[in-house]
């Protein structure tokens, strides 16, 4: 069974205009698969998040389960 663990949170980093950056981190328990992506505050929404997940599912085998740390 393949389980991905995901976290989407606002980082203490800022973009070139001073706005906060958000990070999506996806990995498996062994961290043999790890993906990270950043987006601006204005892009941080369910549409951007779903797009990033779909891209990773196309590249890697779809996981059996997705665990999230911050609902």
PDB file of N, CA and C in Angstrom:
ATOM      1  N   UNK A   1       0.838  -1.180   0.000  1.00  0.00           N
ATOM      2  CA  UNK A   1       0.000   0.000   0.000  1.00  0.00           C
ATOM      3  C   UNK A   1       0.885   1.248   0.000  1.00  0.00           C
ATOM      4  N   UNK A   2       0.640   2.109  -0.944  1.00  0.00           N
ATOM      5  CA  UNK A   2       1.415   3.351  -1.033  1.00  0.00           C
ATOM      6  C   UNK A   2       0.625   4.490  -0.390  1.00  0.00           C
ATOM      7  N   UNK A   3       1.267   5.158   0.564  1.00  0.00           N
ATOM      8  CA  UNK A   3       0.641   6.273   1.273  1.00  0.00           C
ATOM      9  C   UNK A   3       1.499   7.517   1.072  1.00  0.00           C
ATOM     10  N   UNK A   4       0.864   8.582   0.592  1.00  0.00           N
ATOM     11  CA  UNK A   4       1.537   9.870   0.507  1.00  0.00           C
ATOM     12  C   UNK A   4       1.136  10.687   1.726  1.00  0.00           C
ATOM     13  N   UNK A   5       2.070  11.440   2.246  1.00  0.00           N
ATOM     14  CA  UNK A   5       1.811  12.363   3.332  1.00  0.00           C
ATOM     15  C   UNK A   5       1.960  13.772   2.769  1.00  0.00           C
ATOM     16  N   UNK A   6       1.023  14.648   3.099  1.00  0.00           N
ATOM     17  CA  UNK A   6       1.030  15.987   2.509  1.00  0.00           C
ATOM     18  C   UNK A   6       0.830  17.062   3.571  1.00  0.00           C
ATOM     19  N   UNK A   7       1.459  18.192   3.330  1.00  0.00           N
ATOM     20  CA  UNK A   7       1.304  19.358   4.187  1.00  0.00           C
ATOM     21  C   UNK A   7       1.302  20.590   3.288  1.00  0.00           C
ATOM     22  N   UNK A   8       0.409  21.522   3.553  1.00  0.00           N
ATOM     23  CA  UNK A   8       0.300  22.770   2.790  1.00  0.00           C
ATOM     24  C   UNK A   8       0.222  23.885   3.817  1.00  0.00           C
ATOM     25  N   UNK A   9       1.243  24.729   3.839  1.00  0.00           N
ATOM     26  CA  UNK A   9       1.336  25.707   4.912  1.00  0.00           C
ATOM     27  C   UNK A   9       2.054  26.968   4.458  1.00  0.00           C
ATOM     28  N   UNK A  10       1.783  28.044   5.188  1.00  0.00           N
ATOM     29  CA  UNK A  10       2.434  29.321   4.889  1.00  0.00           C
ATOM     30  C   UNK A  10       3.816  29.329   5.515  1.00  0.00           C
ATOM     31  N   UNK A  11       4.797  29.603   4.687  1.00  0.00           N
ATOM     32  CA  UNK A  11       6.194  29.644   5.126  1.00  0.00           C
ATOM     33  C   UNK A  11       6.529  31.030   5.671  1.00  0.00           C
ATOM     34  N   UNK A  12       7.586  31.140   6.451  1.00  0.00           N
ATOM     35  CA  UNK A  12       8.023  32.468   6.890  1.00  0.00           C
ATOM     36  C   UNK A  12       8.794  33.200   5.786  1.00  0.00           C
ATOM     37  N   UNK A  13       8.820  32.619   4.591  1.00  0.00           N
ATOM     38  CA  UNK A  13       9.495  33.237   3.442  1.00  0.00           C
ATOM     39  C   UNK A  13       8.556  34.213   2.743  1.00  0.00           C
ATOM     40  N   UNK A  14       9.149  35.130   1.989  1.00  0.00           N
ATOM     41  CA  UNK A  14       8.355  36.103   1.228  1.00  0.00           C
ATOM     42  C   UNK A  14       8.870  36.153  -0.208  1.00  0.00           C
ATOM     43  N   UNK A  15       7.973  36.490  -1.138  1.00  0.00           N
ATOM     44  CA  UNK A  15       8.384  36.628  -2.529  1.00  0.00           C
ATOM     45  C   UNK A  15       9.046  37.981  -2.742  1.00  0.00           C
ATOM     46  N   UNK A  16       9.373  38.293  -3.981  1.00  0.00           N
ATOM     47  CA  UNK A  16      10.103  39.527  -4.276  1.00  0.00           C
ATOM     48  C   UNK A  16       9.301  40.798  -3.981  1.00  0.00           C
ATOM     49  N   UNK A  17       7.971  40.661  -3.859  1.00  0.00           N
ATOM     50  CA  UNK A  17       7.145  41.829  -3.526  1.00  0.00           C
ATOM     51  C   UNK A  17       6.814  41.894  -2.038  1.00  0.00           C
ATOM     52  N   UNK A  18       7.357  40.956  -1.251  1.00  0.00           N
ATOM     53  CA  UNK A  18       7.149  40.967   0.185  1.00  0.00           C
ATOM     54  C   UNK A  18       5.935  40.189   0.667  1.00  0.00           C
ATOM     55  N   UNK A  19       5.240  39.528  -0.257  1.00  0.00           N
ATOM     56  CA  UNK A  19       4.056  38.751   0.127  1.00  0.00           C
ATOM     57  C   UNK A  19       4.468  37.347   0.591  1.00  0.00           C
ATOM     58  N   UNK A  20       3.721  36.751   1.528  1.00  0.00           N
ATOM     59  CA  UNK A  20       4.062  35.426   2.053  1.00  0.00           C
ATOM     60  C   UNK A  20       4.004  34.337   0.980  1.00  0.00           C
ATOM     61  N   UNK A  21       4.861  33.333   1.137  1.00  0.00           N
ATOM     62  CA  UNK A  21       4.858  32.164   0.263  1.00  0.00           C
ATOM     63  C   UNK A  21       4.264  30.966   0.997  1.00  0.00           C
ATOM     64  N   UNK A  22       3.568  30.137   0.255  1.00  0.00           N
ATOM     65  CA  UNK A  22       3.010  28.898   0.765  1.00  0.00           C
ATOM     66  C   UNK A  22       3.783  27.741   0.158  1.00  0.00           C
ATOM     67  N   UNK A  23       3.921  26.644   0.915  1.00  0.00           N
ATOM     68  CA  UNK A  23       4.628  25.467   0.414  1.00  0.00           C
ATOM     69  C   UNK A  23       3.735  24.237   0.513  1.00  0.00           C
ATOM     70  N   UNK A  24       3.753  23.457  -0.548  1.00  0.00           N
ATOM     71  CA  UNK A  24       3.132  22.136  -0.547  1.00  0.00           C
ATOM     72  C   UNK A  24       4.263  21.129  -0.482  1.00  0.00           C
ATOM     73  N   UNK A  25       4.195  20.246   0.490  1.00  0.00           N
ATOM     74  CA  UNK A  25       5.183  19.180   0.630  1.00  0.00           C
ATOM     75  C   UNK A  25       4.442  17.855   0.581  1.00  0.00           C
ATOM     76  N   UNK A  26       4.866  16.975  -0.329  1.00  0.00           N
ATOM     77  CA  UNK A  26       4.299  15.633  -0.444  1.00  0.00           C
ATOM     78  C   UNK A  26       5.455  14.648  -0.380  1.00  0.00           C
ATOM     79  N   UNK A  27       5.305  13.595   0.418  1.00  0.00           N
ATOM     80  CA  UNK A  27       6.342  12.573   0.496  1.00  0.00           C
ATOM     81  C   UNK A  27       5.713  11.257   0.940  1.00  0.00           C
ATOM     82  N   UNK A  28       6.484  10.179   0.841  1.00  0.00           N
ATOM     83  CA  UNK A  28       6.052   8.929   1.451  1.00  0.00           C
ATOM     84  C   UNK A  28       6.796   8.781   2.776  1.00  0.00           C
ATOM     85  N   UNK A  29       6.419   7.782   3.564  1.00  0.00           N
ATOM     86  CA  UNK A  29       6.991   7.632   4.909  1.00  0.00           C
ATOM     87  C   UNK A  29       8.505   7.448   4.875  1.00  0.00           C
ATOM     88  N   UNK A  30       9.015   6.758   3.866  1.00  0.00           N
ATOM     89  CA  UNK A  30      10.458   6.516   3.759  1.00  0.00           C
ATOM     90  C   UNK A  30      11.193   7.678   3.094  1.00  0.00           C
ATOM     91  N   UNK A  31      10.423   8.636   2.594  1.00  0.00           N
ATOM     92  CA  UNK A  31      10.942   9.790   1.855  1.00  0.00           C
ATOM     93  C   UNK A  31      11.704   9.380   0.591  1.00  0.00           C
ATOM     94  N   UNK A  32      11.323   8.219   0.040  1.00  0.00           N
ATOM     95  CA  UNK A  32      11.895   7.838  -1.250  1.00  0.00           C
ATOM     96  C   UNK A  32      11.226   8.642  -2.364  1.00  0.00           C
ATOM     97  N   UNK A  33      10.054   9.175  -2.079  1.00  0.00           N
ATOM     98  CA  UNK A  33       9.373  10.110  -2.971  1.00  0.00           C
ATOM     99  C   UNK A  33       9.156  11.392  -2.185  1.00  0.00           C
ATOM    100  N   UNK A  34       9.596  12.501  -2.750  1.00  0.00           N
ATOM    101  CA  UNK A  34       9.421  13.795  -2.099  1.00  0.00           C
ATOM    102  C   UNK A  34       9.213  14.860  -3.164  1.00  0.00           C
ATOM    103  N   UNK A  35       8.210  15.699  -2.965  1.00  0.00           N
ATOM    104  CA  UNK A  35       7.890  16.780  -3.888  1.00  0.00           C
ATOM    105  C   UNK A  35       7.598  18.028  -3.076  1.00  0.00           C
ATOM    106  N   UNK A  36       8.093  19.155  -3.545  1.00  0.00           N
ATOM    107  CA  UNK A  36       7.853  20.426  -2.884  1.00  0.00           C
ATOM    108  C   UNK A  36       7.559  21.483  -3.940  1.00  0.00           C
ATOM    109  N   UNK A  37       6.571  22.333  -3.671  1.00  0.00           N
ATOM    110  CA  UNK A  37       6.238  23.431  -4.579  1.00  0.00           C
ATOM    111  C   UNK A  37       5.815  24.639  -3.753  1.00  0.00           C
ATOM    112  N   UNK A  38       6.150  25.812  -4.253  1.00  0.00           N
ATOM    113  CA  UNK A  38       5.803  27.062  -3.593  1.00  0.00           C
ATOM    114  C   UNK A  38       4.794  27.830  -4.428  1.00  0.00           C
ATOM    115  N   UNK A  39       3.946  28.605  -3.761  1.00  0.00           N
ATOM    116  CA  UNK A  39       3.038  29.502  -4.470  1.00  0.00           C
ATOM    117  C   UNK A  39       2.860  30.763  -3.636  1.00  0.00           C
ATOM    118  N   UNK A  40       2.389  31.802  -4.291  1.00  0.00           N
ATOM    119  CA  UNK A  40       2.158  33.065  -3.599  1.00  0.00           C
ATOM    120  C   UNK A  40       0.854  32.991  -2.805  1.00  0.00           C
ATOM    121  N   UNK A  41       0.678  33.947  -1.913  1.00  0.00           N
ATOM    122  CA  UNK A  41      -0.539  34.023  -1.099  1.00  0.00           C
ATOM    123  C   UNK A  41      -1.787  34.046  -1.982  1.00  0.00           C
ATOM    124  N   UNK A  42      -1.744  34.779  -3.089  1.00  0.00           N
ATOM    125  CA  UNK A  42      -2.917  34.906  -3.957  1.00  0.00           C
ATOM    126  C   UNK A  42      -3.236  33.616  -4.713  1.00  0.00           C
ATOM    127  N   UNK A  43      -2.268  32.710  -4.869  1.00  0.00           N
ATOM    128  CA  UNK A  43      -2.498  31.435  -5.556  1.00  0.00           C
ATOM    129  C   UNK A  43      -2.873  30.313  -4.592  1.00  0.00           C
ATOM    130  N   UNK A  44      -2.701  30.510  -3.299  1.00  0.00           N
ATOM    131  CA  UNK A  44      -2.904  29.448  -2.304  1.00  0.00           C
ATOM    132  C   UNK A  44      -4.396  29.153  -2.146  1.00  0.00           C
ATOM    133  N   UNK A  45      -4.867  28.204  -2.946  1.00  0.00           N
ATOM    134  CA  UNK A  45      -6.276  27.814  -2.877  1.00  0.00           C
ATOM    135  C   UNK A  45      -6.425  26.356  -3.321  1.00  0.00           C
ATOM    136  N   UNK A  46      -7.623  25.846  -3.260  1.00  0.00           N
ATOM    137  CA  UNK A  46      -7.862  24.439  -3.577  1.00  0.00           C
ATOM    138  C   UNK A  46      -7.590  24.120  -5.044  1.00  0.00           C
ATOM    139  N   UNK A  47      -7.783  25.076  -5.932  1.00  0.00           N
ATOM    140  CA  UNK A  47      -7.527  24.848  -7.358  1.00  0.00           C
ATOM    141  C   UNK A  47      -6.041  24.614  -7.601  1.00  0.00           C
ATOM    142  N   UNK A  48      -5.191  25.460  -7.025  1.00  0.00           N
ATOM    143  CA  UNK A  48      -3.742  25.285  -7.176  1.00  0.00           C
ATOM    144  C   UNK A  48      -3.296  23.970  -6.553  1.00  0.00           C
ATOM    145  N   UNK A  49      -3.809  23.677  -5.363  1.00  0.00           N
ATOM    146  CA  UNK A  49      -3.446  22.451  -4.657  1.00  0.00           C
ATOM    147  C   UNK A  49      -3.846  21.213  -5.457  1.00  0.00           C
ATOM    148  N   UNK A  50      -5.054  21.184  -5.974  1.00  0.00           N
ATOM    149  CA  UNK A  50      -5.524  20.045  -6.775  1.00  0.00           C
ATOM    150  C   UNK A  50      -4.679  19.883  -8.040  1.00  0.00           C
ATOM    151  N   UNK A  51      -4.305  20.981  -8.652  1.00  0.00           N
ATOM    152  CA  UNK A  51      -3.470  20.938  -9.852  1.00  0.00           C
ATOM    153  C   UNK A  51      -2.111  20.295  -9.556  1.00  0.00           C
ATOM    154  N   UNK A  52      -1.499  20.684  -8.450  1.00  0.00           N
ATOM    155  CA  UNK A  52      -0.198  20.121  -8.074  1.00  0.00           C
ATOM    156  C   UNK A  52      -0.303  18.624  -7.780  1.00  0.00           C
ATOM    157  N   UNK A  53      -1.364  18.226  -7.090  1.00  0.00           N
ATOM    158  CA  UNK A  53      -1.567  16.800  -6.801  1.00  0.00           C
ATOM    159  C   UNK A  53      -1.776  16.001  -8.081  1.00  0.00           C
ATOM    160  N   UNK A  54      -2.585  16.537  -8.998  1.00  0.00           N
ATOM    161  CA  UNK A  54      -2.828  15.849 -10.269  1.00  0.00           C
ATOM    162  C   UNK A  54      -1.545  15.677 -11.069  1.00  0.00           C
ATOM    163  N   UNK A  55      -0.695  16.681 -11.079  1.00  0.00           N
ATOM    164  CA  UNK A  55       0.583  16.575 -11.790  1.00  0.00           C
ATOM    165  C   UNK A  55       1.437  15.454 -11.214  1.00  0.00           C
ATOM    166  N   UNK A  56       1.472  15.341  -9.897  1.00  0.00           N
ATOM    167  CA  UNK A  56       2.285  14.297  -9.270  1.00  0.00           C
ATOM    168  C   UNK A  56       1.687  12.906  -9.493  1.00  0.00           C
ATOM    169  N   UNK A  57       0.369  12.822  -9.528  1.00  0.00           N
ATOM    170  CA  UNK A  57      -0.289  11.542  -9.811  1.00  0.00           C
ATOM    171  C   UNK A  57       0.019  11.094 -11.234  1.00  0.00           C
ATOM    172  N   UNK A  58       0.120  12.026 -12.176  1.00  0.00           N
ATOM    173  CA  UNK A  58       0.459  11.678 -13.555  1.00  0.00           C
ATOM    174  C   UNK A  58       1.900  11.191 -13.667  1.00  0.00           C
ATOM    175  N   UNK A  59       2.791  11.731 -12.856  1.00  0.00           N
ATOM    176  CA  UNK A  59       4.208  11.357 -12.896  1.00  0.00           C
ATOM    177  C   UNK A  59       4.459  10.060 -12.136  1.00  0.00           C
ATOM    178  N   UNK A  60       3.828   9.937 -10.990  1.00  0.00           N
ATOM    179  CA  UNK A  60       4.028   8.778 -10.111  1.00  0.00           C
ATOM    180  C   UNK A  60       2.738   7.972 -10.046  1.00  0.00           C
ATOM    181  N   UNK A  61       2.830   6.766  -9.587  1.00  0.00           N
ATOM    182  CA  UNK A  61       1.639   5.949  -9.393  1.00  0.00           C
ATOM    183  C   UNK A  61       0.738   6.598  -8.345  1.00  0.00           C
ATOM    184  N   UNK A  62      -0.555   6.598  -8.612  1.00  0.00           N
ATOM    185  CA  UNK A  62      -1.520   7.174  -7.679  1.00  0.00           C
ATOM    186  C   UNK A  62      -1.432   6.442  -6.339  1.00  0.00           C
ATOM    187  N   UNK A  63      -1.347   7.177  -5.235  1.00  0.00           N
ATOM    188  CA  UNK A  63      -1.241   6.511  -3.932  1.00  0.00           C
ATOM    189  C   UNK A  63      -2.573   5.865  -3.542  1.00  0.00           C
ATOM    190  N   UNK A  64      -2.485   4.880  -2.671  1.00  0.00           N
ATOM    191  CA  UNK A  64      -3.694   4.246  -2.146  1.00  0.00           C
ATOM    192  C   UNK A  64      -4.382   5.143  -1.125  1.00  0.00           C
ATOM    193  N   UNK A  65      -3.585   5.952  -0.467  1.00  0.00           N
ATOM    194  CA  UNK A  65      -4.115   6.822   0.579  1.00  0.00           C
ATOM    195  C   UNK A  65      -3.285   8.093   0.634  1.00  0.00           C
ATOM    196  N   UNK A  66      -3.937   9.194   1.007  1.00  0.00           N
ATOM    197  CA  UNK A  66      -3.254  10.469   1.189  1.00  0.00           C
ATOM    198  C   UNK A  66      -3.518  10.933   2.624  1.00  0.00           C
ATOM    199  N   UNK A  67      -2.468  11.106   3.388  1.00  0.00           N
ATOM    200  CA  UNK A  67      -2.583  11.598   4.759  1.00  0.00           C
ATOM    201  C   UNK A  67      -2.208  13.062   4.770  1.00  0.00           C
ATOM    202  N   UNK A  68      -3.017  13.874   5.456  1.00  0.00           N
ATOM    203  CA  UNK A  68      -2.711  15.300   5.559  1.00  0.00           C
ATOM    204  C   UNK A  68      -2.493  15.657   7.026  1.00  0.00           C
ATOM    205  N   UNK A  69      -1.674  16.660   7.256  1.00  0.00           N
ATOM    206  CA  UNK A  69      -1.333  17.056   8.617  1.00  0.00           C
ATOM    207  C   UNK A  69      -2.150  18.240   9.103  1.00  0.00           C
ATOM    208  N   UNK A  70      -2.589  19.090   8.172  1.00  0.00           N
ATOM    209  CA  UNK A  70      -3.372  20.256   8.548  1.00  0.00           C
ATOM    210  C   UNK A  70      -4.586  20.323   7.626  1.00  0.00           C
ATOM    211  N   UNK A  71      -5.747  19.882   8.119  1.00  0.00           N
ATOM    212  CA  UNK A  71      -6.949  19.901   7.261  1.00  0.00           C
ATOM    213  C   UNK A  71      -7.388  21.320   6.925  1.00  0.00           C
TER     214      UNK A  71
END
